Amino acid sequence: FCACLCTFLVRLWPAPGLYRFIGCHLTLALFNLLPALPLDGGRALQALLESRWPFAGEDITRIIGGGVGLVLVLLGLRILQINRNPTLLTAGAVILLKSDVKTLYTSRKNC
């Protein structure tokens, strides 16, 4: 909603700062839709999977979230190597740590 409002405002009052704000806002919104559990996309995926497989939905979501976190960490390492920006690496590490795949393995092992 905010990006749409700013797009309307840019037509009335063109300012370079609004273009940057729109870009940052859309990037953050798309990032939030990634299918990793701490993000909204992960919660939507978990709800969808739990409606189909009630006992395995959360586990599948954790595995997918761990994979997304791992991909983001690897991409973040490459971006850090190219232009010294640790943002994606940090976000990927947080998602990877929050996915808690290790606990999933140990809880299955103890059953």
C-alpha atoms as a PDB file:
ATOM      1  CA  PHE A   1       0.000   0.000   0.000  1.00  0.00           C
ATOM      2  CA  CYS A   2       2.758   2.400   0.931  1.00  0.00           C
ATOM      3  CA  ALA A   3       4.633   1.828  -2.358  1.00  0.00           C
ATOM      4  CA  CYS A   4       1.421   2.446  -4.331  1.00  0.00           C
ATOM      5  CA  LEU A   5       0.796   5.652  -2.413  1.00  0.00           C
ATOM      6  CA  CYS A   6       4.339   6.861  -3.050  1.00  0.00           C
ATOM      7  CA  THR A   7       4.015   6.016  -6.755  1.00  0.00           C
ATOM      8  CA  PHE A   8       0.974   8.272  -6.860  1.00  0.00           C
ATOM      9  CA  LEU A   9       2.875  11.005  -4.984  1.00  0.00           C
ATOM     10  CA  VAL A  10       5.796  10.804  -7.428  1.00  0.00           C
ATOM     11  CA  ARG A  11       3.447  11.815 -10.225  1.00  0.00           C
ATOM     12  CA  LEU A  12       2.426  14.910  -8.269  1.00  0.00           C
ATOM     13  CA  TRP A  13       5.850  15.754  -6.834  1.00  0.00           C
ATOM     14  CA  PRO A  14       8.788  14.019  -8.536  1.00  0.00           C
ATOM     15  CA  ALA A  15      11.610  13.585  -6.067  1.00  0.00           C
ATOM     16  CA  PRO A  16      14.557  11.166  -6.331  1.00  0.00           C
ATOM     17  CA  GLY A  17      14.195  10.181  -2.670  1.00  0.00           C
ATOM     18  CA  LEU A  18      10.705   8.820  -3.301  1.00  0.00           C
ATOM     19  CA  TYR A  19      12.008   6.546  -6.057  1.00  0.00           C
ATOM     20  CA  ARG A  20      14.569   5.113  -3.661  1.00  0.00           C
ATOM     21  CA  PHE A  21      11.945   4.710  -0.981  1.00  0.00           C
ATOM     22  CA  ILE A  22       9.632   2.855  -3.390  1.00  0.00           C
ATOM     23  CA  GLY A  23      12.483   0.570  -4.453  1.00  0.00           C
ATOM     24  CA  CYS A  24      13.501  -0.201  -0.871  1.00  0.00           C
ATOM     25  CA  HIS A  25       9.916  -0.790   0.172  1.00  0.00           C
ATOM     26  CA  LEU A  26       9.199  -3.187  -2.702  1.00  0.00           C
ATOM     27  CA  THR A  27      12.474  -5.040  -2.095  1.00  0.00           C
ATOM     28  CA  LEU A  28      11.616  -5.494   1.571  1.00  0.00           C
ATOM     29  CA  ALA A  29       8.090  -6.647   0.718  1.00  0.00           C
ATOM     30  CA  LEU A  30       9.380  -9.235  -1.765  1.00  0.00           C
ATOM     31  CA  PHE A  31      12.042 -10.416   0.684  1.00  0.00           C
ATOM     32  CA  ASN A  32       9.348 -10.906   3.317  1.00  0.00           C
ATOM     33  CA  LEU A  33       7.555 -13.306   0.945  1.00  0.00           C
ATOM     34  CA  LEU A  34      10.460 -15.782   0.909  1.00  0.00           C
ATOM     35  CA  PRO A  35       9.328 -19.215   2.137  1.00  0.00           C
ATOM     36  CA  ALA A  36      11.403 -19.203   5.320  1.00  0.00           C
ATOM     37  CA  LEU A  37       9.676 -19.634   8.655  1.00  0.00           C
ATOM     38  CA  PRO A  38      10.481 -16.369  10.431  1.00  0.00           C
ATOM     39  CA  LEU A  39       9.110 -14.442   7.432  1.00  0.00           C
ATOM     40  CA  ASP A  40       5.494 -14.077   6.347  1.00  0.00           C
ATOM     41  CA  GLY A  41       6.061 -16.263   3.282  1.00  0.00           C
ATOM     42  CA  GLY A  42       7.209 -19.056   5.578  1.00  0.00           C
ATOM     43  CA  ARG A  43       4.149 -18.706   7.758  1.00  0.00           C
ATOM     44  CA  ALA A  44       1.886 -18.843   4.704  1.00  0.00           C
ATOM     45  CA  LEU A  45       3.751 -21.909   3.436  1.00  0.00           C
ATOM     46  CA  GLN A  46       3.450 -23.571   6.834  1.00  0.00           C
ATOM     47  CA  ALA A  47      -0.296 -22.937   6.963  1.00  0.00           C
ATOM     48  CA  LEU A  48      -0.686 -24.336   3.457  1.00  0.00           C
ATOM     49  CA  LEU A  49       1.385 -27.437   4.195  1.00  0.00           C
ATOM     50  CA  GLU A  50      -0.260 -28.091   7.559  1.00  0.00           C
ATOM     51  CA  SER A  51      -3.673 -28.018   5.914  1.00  0.00           C
ATOM     52  CA  ARG A  52      -2.504 -30.829   3.638  1.00  0.00           C
ATOM     53  CA  TRP A  53      -0.177 -32.742   6.003  1.00  0.00           C
ATOM     54  CA  PRO A  54      -1.011 -31.832   9.628  1.00  0.00           C
ATOM     55  CA  PHE A  55       1.894 -33.671  11.235  1.00  0.00           C
ATOM     56  CA  ALA A  56       4.628 -32.979   8.687  1.00  0.00           C
ATOM     57  CA  GLY A  57       3.810 -29.418   7.574  1.00  0.00           C
ATOM     58  CA  GLU A  58       6.022 -27.682  10.119  1.00  0.00           C
ATOM     59  CA  ASP A  59       8.935 -30.028   9.451  1.00  0.00           C
ATOM     60  CA  ILE A  60       8.732 -29.490   5.694  1.00  0.00           C
ATOM     61  CA  THR A  61       8.580 -25.729   6.244  1.00  0.00           C
ATOM     62  CA  ARG A  62      11.688 -25.849   8.436  1.00  0.00           C
ATOM     63  CA  ILE A  63      13.592 -27.809   5.793  1.00  0.00           C
ATOM     64  CA  ILE A  64      12.561 -25.390   3.032  1.00  0.00           C
ATOM     65  CA  GLY A  65      13.439 -22.427   5.271  1.00  0.00           C
ATOM     66  CA  GLY A  66      16.847 -23.930   5.974  1.00  0.00           C
ATOM     67  CA  GLY A  67      17.433 -24.331   2.240  1.00  0.00           C
ATOM     68  CA  VAL A  68      16.414 -20.735   1.589  1.00  0.00           C
ATOM     69  CA  GLY A  69      18.716 -19.566   4.378  1.00  0.00           C
ATOM     70  CA  LEU A  70      21.605 -21.595   2.974  1.00  0.00           C
ATOM     71  CA  VAL A  71      21.100 -20.164  -0.520  1.00  0.00           C
ATOM     72  CA  LEU A  72      20.989 -16.639   0.905  1.00  0.00           C
ATOM     73  CA  VAL A  73      24.188 -17.245   2.886  1.00  0.00           C
ATOM     74  CA  LEU A  74      25.967 -18.504  -0.228  1.00  0.00           C
ATOM     75  CA  LEU A  75      24.724 -15.560  -2.309  1.00  0.00           C
ATOM     76  CA  GLY A  76      25.623 -13.225   0.540  1.00  0.00           C
ATOM     77  CA  LEU A  77      29.181 -14.580   0.618  1.00  0.00           C
ATOM     78  CA  ARG A  78      29.490 -13.899  -3.115  1.00  0.00           C
ATOM     79  CA  ILE A  79      28.094 -10.375  -2.774  1.00  0.00           C
ATOM     80  CA  LEU A  80      30.396  -9.753   0.190  1.00  0.00           C
ATOM     81  CA  GLN A  81      33.309 -10.838  -1.975  1.00  0.00           C
ATOM     82  CA  ILE A  82      32.281  -8.554  -4.866  1.00  0.00           C
ATOM     83  CA  ASN A  83      31.246  -5.297  -3.187  1.00  0.00           C
ATOM     84  CA  ARG A  84      31.810  -5.766   0.579  1.00  0.00           C
ATOM     85  CA  ASN A  85      28.114  -5.594   1.510  1.00  0.00           C
ATOM     86  CA  PRO A  86      27.238  -8.037   4.339  1.00  0.00           C
ATOM     87  CA  THR A  87      23.472  -7.413   4.324  1.00  0.00           C
ATOM     88  CA  LEU A  88      22.346 -10.524   2.439  1.00  0.00           C
ATOM     89  CA  LEU A  89      24.834 -12.690   4.313  1.00  0.00           C
ATOM     90  CA  THR A  90      23.449 -11.457   7.629  1.00  0.00           C
ATOM     91  CA  ALA A  91      19.824 -11.969   6.560  1.00  0.00           C
ATOM     92  CA  GLY A  92      20.614 -15.459   5.302  1.00  0.00           C
ATOM     93  CA  ALA A  93      22.392 -16.350   8.541  1.00  0.00           C
ATOM     94  CA  VAL A  94      19.415 -15.184  10.614  1.00  0.00           C
ATOM     95  CA  ILE A  95      16.994 -17.190   8.470  1.00  0.00           C
ATOM     96  CA  LEU A  96      19.257 -20.241   8.614  1.00  0.00           C
ATOM     97  CA  LEU A  97      19.519 -20.017  12.398  1.00  0.00           C
ATOM     98  CA  LYS A  98      15.783 -19.452  12.812  1.00  0.00           C
ATOM     99  CA  SER A  99      14.870 -22.411  10.606  1.00  0.00           C
ATOM    100  CA  ASP A 100      16.133 -24.737  13.370  1.00  0.00           C
ATOM    101  CA  VAL A 101      16.756 -27.718  11.078  1.00  0.00           C
ATOM    102  CA  LYS A 102      19.249 -29.214  13.567  1.00  0.00           C
ATOM    103  CA  THR A 103      16.555 -29.548  16.227  1.00  0.00           C
ATOM    104  CA  LEU A 104      14.347 -31.240  13.675  1.00  0.00           C
ATOM    105  CA  TYR A 105      17.001 -33.905  13.076  1.00  0.00           C
ATOM    106  CA  THR A 106      17.716 -34.489  16.767  1.00  0.00           C
ATOM    107  CA  SER A 107      14.023 -34.663  17.672  1.00  0.00           C
ATOM    108  CA  ARG A 108      13.455 -37.320  14.995  1.00  0.00           C
ATOM    109  CA  LYS A 109      16.507 -39.242  16.198  1.00  0.00           C
ATOM    110  CA  ASN A 110      15.243 -39.390  19.800  1.00  0.00           C
ATOM    111  CA  CYS A 111      11.752 -40.687  18.896  1.00  0.00           C
END
